[in-house]
Amino acid sequence: KGMNLMLESTVEKVEKKGSGVKVTVKTKKGEEVIEADVVLSAVGVTGNVEGLGLEDIGVKVERGAIV
């Protein structure tokens, strides 16, 4: 049991297998097949915060993200 973070990867296929799942993931190294109880897939989106004047009102911005 544990958690595995796979950054810069794409979920290609998810199949039900018993009480869990079998997931095919495309990474920079190639394709991997993972069996797990639960899978969480999240997509990051960079916001467009330039030119809003956030720094002027005390909001800290780094690399296009509010921190």
C-alpha atoms as a PDB file:
ATOM      1  CA  LYS A   1       0.000   0.000   0.000  1.00  0.00           C
ATOM      2  CA  GLY A   2       1.140   3.546  -0.596  1.00  0.00           C
ATOM      3  CA  MET A   3       0.857   6.435  -2.976  1.00  0.00           C
ATOM      4  CA  ASN A   4       2.678   7.020  -6.252  1.00  0.00           C
ATOM      5  CA  LEU A   5       2.793  10.457  -7.901  1.00  0.00           C
ATOM      6  CA  MET A   6       3.373  10.368 -11.636  1.00  0.00           C
ATOM      7  CA  LEU A   7       4.100  13.844 -12.926  1.00  0.00           C
ATOM      8  CA  GLU A   8       4.192  14.742 -16.613  1.00  0.00           C
ATOM      9  CA  SER A   9       2.287  11.602 -17.575  1.00  0.00           C
ATOM     10  CA  THR A  10      -0.906  10.737 -19.426  1.00  0.00           C
ATOM     11  CA  VAL A  11      -3.518   8.133 -18.513  1.00  0.00           C
ATOM     12  CA  GLU A  12      -4.108   6.096 -21.663  1.00  0.00           C
ATOM     13  CA  LYS A  13      -6.526   3.435 -20.400  1.00  0.00           C
ATOM     14  CA  VAL A  14      -8.311   2.391 -17.185  1.00  0.00           C
ATOM     15  CA  GLU A  15      -9.765  -1.102 -16.724  1.00  0.00           C
ATOM     16  CA  LYS A  16     -11.704  -2.519 -13.779  1.00  0.00           C
ATOM     17  CA  LYS A  17      -9.899  -5.500 -12.271  1.00  0.00           C
ATOM     18  CA  GLY A  18     -11.656  -7.203  -9.361  1.00  0.00           C
ATOM     19  CA  SER A  19     -12.083  -4.632  -6.607  1.00  0.00           C
ATOM     20  CA  GLY A  20      -9.354  -2.394  -8.084  1.00  0.00           C
ATOM     21  CA  VAL A  21      -8.189  -0.964 -11.380  1.00  0.00           C
ATOM     22  CA  LYS A  22      -5.501  -1.545 -13.973  1.00  0.00           C
ATOM     23  CA  VAL A  23      -4.183   1.706 -15.453  1.00  0.00           C
ATOM     24  CA  THR A  24      -2.017   2.196 -18.519  1.00  0.00           C
ATOM     25  CA  VAL A  25       0.065   5.360 -18.178  1.00  0.00           C
ATOM     26  CA  LYS A  26       2.292   7.014 -20.791  1.00  0.00           C
ATOM     27  CA  THR A  27       5.416   8.633 -19.297  1.00  0.00           C
ATOM     28  CA  LYS A  28       8.636  10.083 -20.685  1.00  0.00           C
ATOM     29  CA  LYS A  29      10.207   6.637 -20.213  1.00  0.00           C
ATOM     30  CA  GLY A  30       7.457   4.839 -22.126  1.00  0.00           C
ATOM     31  CA  GLU A  31       4.279   3.035 -21.165  1.00  0.00           C
ATOM     32  CA  GLU A  32       3.639   1.617 -17.684  1.00  0.00           C
ATOM     33  CA  VAL A  33       0.806  -0.578 -16.418  1.00  0.00           C
ATOM     34  CA  ILE A  34      -0.163  -0.090 -12.777  1.00  0.00           C
ATOM     35  CA  GLU A  35      -2.609  -2.068 -10.661  1.00  0.00           C
ATOM     36  CA  ALA A  36      -4.162  -0.196  -7.736  1.00  0.00           C
ATOM     37  CA  ASP A  37      -7.124  -0.044  -5.387  1.00  0.00           C
ATOM     38  CA  VAL A  38      -7.870   3.586  -6.301  1.00  0.00           C
ATOM     39  CA  VAL A  39      -6.557   6.060  -8.891  1.00  0.00           C
ATOM     40  CA  LEU A  40      -6.741   9.850  -8.699  1.00  0.00           C
ATOM     41  CA  SER A  41      -5.923  11.757 -11.868  1.00  0.00           C
ATOM     42  CA  ALA A  42      -5.546  15.536 -11.717  1.00  0.00           C
ATOM     43  CA  VAL A  43      -4.713  18.064 -14.401  1.00  0.00           C
ATOM     44  CA  GLY A  44      -2.861  21.267 -13.611  1.00  0.00           C
ATOM     45  CA  VAL A  45      -3.742  24.482 -15.382  1.00  0.00           C
ATOM     46  CA  THR A  46      -1.653  27.637 -15.243  1.00  0.00           C
ATOM     47  CA  GLY A  47      -3.759  30.708 -14.640  1.00  0.00           C
ATOM     48  CA  ASN A  48      -3.409  33.962 -16.563  1.00  0.00           C
ATOM     49  CA  VAL A  49      -2.576  36.427 -13.788  1.00  0.00           C
ATOM     50  CA  GLU A  50      -0.285  38.815 -15.672  1.00  0.00           C
ATOM     51  CA  GLY A  51      -1.383  42.419 -15.900  1.00  0.00           C
ATOM     52  CA  LEU A  52      -4.024  42.161 -13.172  1.00  0.00           C
ATOM     53  CA  GLY A  53      -2.027  44.250 -10.701  1.00  0.00           C
ATOM     54  CA  LEU A  54      -2.092  41.550  -8.038  1.00  0.00           C
ATOM     55  CA  GLU A  55       1.355  42.546  -6.769  1.00  0.00           C
ATOM     56  CA  ASP A  56       0.041  46.088  -6.210  1.00  0.00           C
ATOM     57  CA  ILE A  57      -2.515  44.824  -3.693  1.00  0.00           C
ATOM     58  CA  GLY A  58      -0.099  42.515  -1.869  1.00  0.00           C
ATOM     59  CA  VAL A  59      -0.803  39.209  -3.610  1.00  0.00           C
ATOM     60  CA  LYS A  60       2.424  37.255  -4.172  1.00  0.00           C
ATOM     61  CA  VAL A  61       2.799  35.776  -7.661  1.00  0.00           C
ATOM     62  CA  GLU A  62       5.550  33.391  -8.800  1.00  0.00           C
ATOM     63  CA  ARG A  63       5.857  31.912 -12.304  1.00  0.00           C
ATOM     64  CA  GLY A  64       2.273  32.832 -13.157  1.00  0.00           C
ATOM     65  CA  ALA A  65       0.775  31.286 -10.020  1.00  0.00           C
ATOM     66  CA  ILE A  66      -0.600  32.867  -6.852  1.00  0.00           C
ATOM     67  CA  VAL A  67       1.389  31.626  -3.843  1.00  0.00           C
END
